[in-house]
Amino acid sequence: MPEKSDSNEDSIAERLTAKLQHLMDNSLNNMGVHEMEEISERMRSLLDQGAFWIDQENFNRFAYDLQDFINWLTEFIADKDREFWGE
């Protein structure tokens, strides 16, 4: 694995990963099979892209894609919760 030149890159990745883990652990209670499959497909794409960007040593782009996925997942969860509660 390539060396990272900046410890800031590590802290950004750790912070984003912690946010994603929190969402996954605490916010998917009202999801059905279809919703979980959609999340899984998006996550698979994120992992594929992440592997590419890390291989290219473009850690900033990986962080950008990870943040974009977290933003999408947050909105997706909020939309599904509103549907679940009839709002």
Protein backbone atom coordinates (compact mmCIF):
# COMPACT_ATOMS: atom_id res chain seq x y z
CA MET A 1 0.00 0.00 0.00
CA PRO A 2 1.38 3.45 -0.84
CA GLU A 3 2.65 5.68 1.93
CA LYS A 4 0.54 8.72 2.73
CA SER A 5 2.49 11.93 2.89
CA ASP A 6 0.17 13.76 5.26
CA SER A 7 -1.28 12.56 8.56
CA ASN A 8 -4.21 14.91 7.85
CA GLU A 9 -5.30 12.46 5.13
CA ASP A 10 -5.46 9.72 7.77
CA SER A 11 -7.57 11.85 10.11
CA ILE A 12 -9.96 12.82 7.30
CA ALA A 13 -10.43 9.18 6.31
CA GLU A 14 -10.88 8.15 9.95
CA ARG A 15 -13.45 10.90 10.57
CA LEU A 16 -15.45 10.03 7.45
CA THR A 17 -15.26 6.32 8.17
CA ALA A 18 -16.53 6.93 11.72
CA LYS A 19 -19.47 8.95 10.35
CA LEU A 20 -20.31 6.21 7.88
CA GLN A 21 -20.07 3.53 10.57
CA HIS A 22 -22.41 5.54 12.80
CA LEU A 23 -24.97 5.84 10.00
CA MET A 24 -24.76 2.15 9.22
CA ASP A 25 -25.03 1.09 12.87
CA ASN A 26 -27.77 3.47 13.98
CA SER A 27 -29.89 4.64 11.09
CA LEU A 28 -30.94 1.70 8.94
CA ASN A 29 -33.69 0.34 11.19
CA ASN A 30 -36.58 1.18 8.90
CA MET A 31 -35.03 -0.15 5.69
CA GLY A 32 -36.45 -2.99 3.71
CA VAL A 33 -34.69 -5.42 1.41
CA HIS A 34 -35.01 -3.15 -1.64
CA GLU A 35 -33.51 -0.19 0.22
CA MET A 36 -30.66 -2.29 1.61
CA GLU A 37 -29.90 -3.57 -1.89
CA GLU A 38 -29.76 0.01 -3.18
CA ILE A 39 -27.37 0.98 -0.38
CA SER A 40 -25.28 -2.12 -1.07
CA GLU A 41 -24.99 -1.29 -4.78
CA ARG A 42 -23.90 2.27 -4.03
CA MET A 43 -21.42 1.06 -1.43
CA ARG A 44 -19.98 -1.49 -3.85
CA SER A 45 -19.41 1.31 -6.35
CA LEU A 46 -17.79 3.44 -3.64
CA LEU A 47 -15.42 0.60 -2.73
CA ASP A 48 -14.48 0.00 -6.37
CA GLN A 49 -13.82 3.70 -6.93
CA GLY A 50 -11.99 3.94 -3.61
CA ALA A 51 -9.65 1.11 -4.55
CA PHE A 52 -8.91 2.89 -7.83
CA TRP A 53 -8.21 6.26 -6.21
CA ILE A 54 -6.05 4.76 -3.47
CA ASP A 55 -4.10 2.82 -6.11
CA GLN A 56 -3.60 6.13 -7.92
CA GLU A 57 -2.52 7.69 -4.59
CA ASN A 58 -5.28 10.26 -4.97
CA PHE A 59 -6.45 10.23 -1.36
CA ASN A 60 -8.25 13.56 -1.67
CA ARG A 61 -10.49 12.17 -4.40
CA PHE A 62 -11.23 9.10 -2.30
CA ALA A 63 -12.18 11.37 0.61
CA TYR A 64 -14.40 13.38 -1.75
CA ASP A 65 -16.18 10.24 -2.95
CA LEU A 66 -16.58 8.97 0.60
CA GLN A 67 -18.08 12.29 1.72
CA ASP A 68 -20.39 12.25 -1.31
CA PHE A 69 -21.60 8.75 -0.38
CA ILE A 70 -22.20 9.81 3.22
CA ASN A 71 -24.22 12.81 2.02
CA TRP A 72 -26.27 10.58 -0.28
CA LEU A 73 -26.83 8.00 2.46
CA THR A 74 -27.92 10.68 4.95
CA GLU A 75 -30.51 12.01 2.50
CA PHE A 76 -31.61 8.49 1.55
CA ILE A 77 -32.13 7.57 5.22
CA ALA A 78 -34.05 10.80 5.89
CA ASP A 79 -36.31 10.21 2.88
CA LYS A 80 -37.03 6.63 3.92
CA ASP A 81 -37.70 7.64 7.53
CA ARG A 82 -40.17 10.29 6.35
CA GLU A 83 -41.90 7.65 4.20
CA PHE A 84 -41.94 5.20 7.11
CA TRP A 85 -43.55 7.74 9.45
CA GLY A 86 -45.95 9.00 6.80
CA GLU A 87 -44.55 12.51 6.60
